[in-house]
Amino acid sequence: MGDYTGTLPSSLQPWDQTSSAPKSFANVLGRIYAERGHFRDITESSLQDELTTTAIAGPSSPSSTFSDVEGDDGPSASKDARPRAEQLQAARREVIQHIVSAQNETLLALDFVSLLLSKDLKQAESSMSPILKQSVPTGSLGMDIWKGMPEDTERLKTDELLARGKRLDGLKGAADGLSRAEERLRETVEKERRYWDGLLGLREQGWSVCRIPREKGGLGVRYGFTEAMGEFRGRGLAALRMGTEGEVVLDKGLGREGKGLRVRIMRGKEVVGESRVKQTDDDEADVGRRIKMARDSLFEEELWHEAMREGRELGSYGIRLRGDTIIIPASHTEESLNETSAHETIEIDLVSTDNHYNPATPDPTANSIATALRLLLSHTYRQRLEQRSQIPPPLSANKRDRPISQIIRPLLSHLHHRSATTALQTQLSALTALLGKAQIKMSTSTSSSLPSLSDTTSTKSLMTSLTTRPESTTTIDLTLPSPTASRSESFNITTTTSFSPPFYGTSFNLGASHLQREQRTSSLQELLQHVHLLVSSYLTVSAAEYFSGWTADRRGRKVVRPRGLEVRGDSGEEVEVEVEQEDGEGGQGLALRVAYGAQVVRWVVAEDGEERAWSEVMGEIAAKAR
């Protein structure tokens, strides 16, 4: 509490305290600072003035001091300008606060002593406060007197040695810990170096290393194709983890067991050709090869998936789905003349590369078909990229259908076209052999609108060859004998195969110089009938040159005697010339028949037919007809 001496009434002034104990210099300095403020305000002149004033005024009395406090110009009035009543209330509150604090300290000391004595004296419980009795059990605090132990020099030395040993042991443990931490740090740095070197190697190999979405700090490789469909595009991202030795590990075991597309050529139930499926390398292969295997497997799966989707829409062209296998007919038509090729099919399925065994000698045709399918899927990716780079169509509420990839259709077009041209060449070869029996020269030449693989120099030209509608033209040249001089006739057959509008399937166009329009058909049997009729008409014109005055009926395929000419003996009125088709495989049933009255001459491909030349037979018949 502050010093109120000289400001309070005499009844409230504290007693004078006189102590003989000398006061410290620090106490004196504190009192000077409290009375006069900072030392910078105390000067020798101010102290001298104060002493002079005090000597003149004389000693002050309590009553005069009290009267000075009553005035307005006293020194205390400048310190506290509050009303007298407020000053008294403040002093009273401060005195009461100190009294309460002293009482509280006294009660706490009483509780402590009572709790300490309650262990031995039960009467001490009566002086304990109720709160202490509820909080602490009585007799729970005890005391004892300990005598100071004498100083033991040996024990101090032992303690000092123990402390030094403990410190040395702690320093050794800290050194060992630092060594282990340094070793772990070195191993971690080495693992990090190997990991980042592996990532850099993948970048140098051309792989796209990127962050993994929704995984903080994770890195991955994007090995899929950006133009793949949604379910396959999402699978084209894999995490690149750090292995136990710091090597880059492909996440989820990718690249260890893949899928591959297999193409088999079936003849009935017998496998006559099988493509090669890329095998899975061992588990110790580097991560770059494993990423490549995972990419190839994903590509093969999407290829099989797109082929299955397209095959469901081509059922009307003989394509069947049996489980996970796509069955494509190798022949262009079910009415093929070759019974063996009619049962030849191509089966496409997806196999595991882990437990698949390739044939000792893969079939070149099956390998070519598998390669063509992969090229067509790559072409589909390129088309999607070009479409995505164009201006998008206007927004519409109608959901656009997912387009069907053109993978099987081009393959089917080329297979059917090859089958159709092969069957046509077989029949034309039989016809050439038949006319050769009669010493009539016939030659065929075939040209294609598509360039050959040996002439293909760019990827674009190769894809154009695969996706363009195949078309070939076969030119047939006939050298017809005559009594005077031989003459030549020619006609051509254009074969076109397509499974896109406006053509569906294989069509044949037969054209000749004397025909008003081309004969178009989609049946090989019907085409051969037209060819036989056309050749018969050419032979009819050739036969008419041996008969003087006779006319050639090209439509009826006969040489007719004009009216007015006499008929001698049993001679006929006409000579029939016809190329006819009988039962037989590969054109073996072809025959060239010439009939004049009862005389019939037949040339056949077999050895038991007519052996004479056409000109000789026509000369003989002409001699009879005269």
Foldseek 3Di string as FASTA:
>chain_A
DDQCVLPDDPVPHDDDDDDPDDDDPVVVVVVCCVPPNDPVVDDPVVVVVVVVVDVVVDDDDSVVSNVLNVDCPHPVCVVDVDDPVVVVVVVVVVVVVVVVVVVVVVLVVLQVVLQACCLPDVVSVVSHDPVCVVPDPRNPDYDDDDDDDDDDPVVVVVVVVVVVVVVVVVVVVVVVVVVVVVVVVVQVVQLQVQQVVQVVVLVVVPWDKDADPPDPPWIWTQLEAPLADDVLNVVRIWTFDQDPNNHTDTPPPALQKAKWKKKFKDFQNDTPFIADTDARDDPPDHPNNSSVSNHNRSLRVSLLVLVVVVLVVCVVQPWDDDPQKIKAQLEQDCPQLAPRSNRIIMIMGMDMNHPDDDDPDGDPVRNVLRVQLSLQVVVVSVVSVVVVPDDDDDDDPDDDDDDRRPRVFLVNQVSHLVNLVVSVVLQVVLVQLLQVLQVKHKDKDKDKPQDDPVPDDDSVSVVCNSPPWIKMKMKMKTFFDAPVHTDIFIWMKMWTGGCDPPDRGIKIWTDGDPDPGTDIDRDPVVVVVVVQLQVLLVNQVRLLRLAPQWDGDSNQSKTAHDPPDDFPDQWAGIKHWGWDADDDGSSQRTWIWIDIRPDIAIGGSDPPHDRYHPVVVSNVSNVNRD
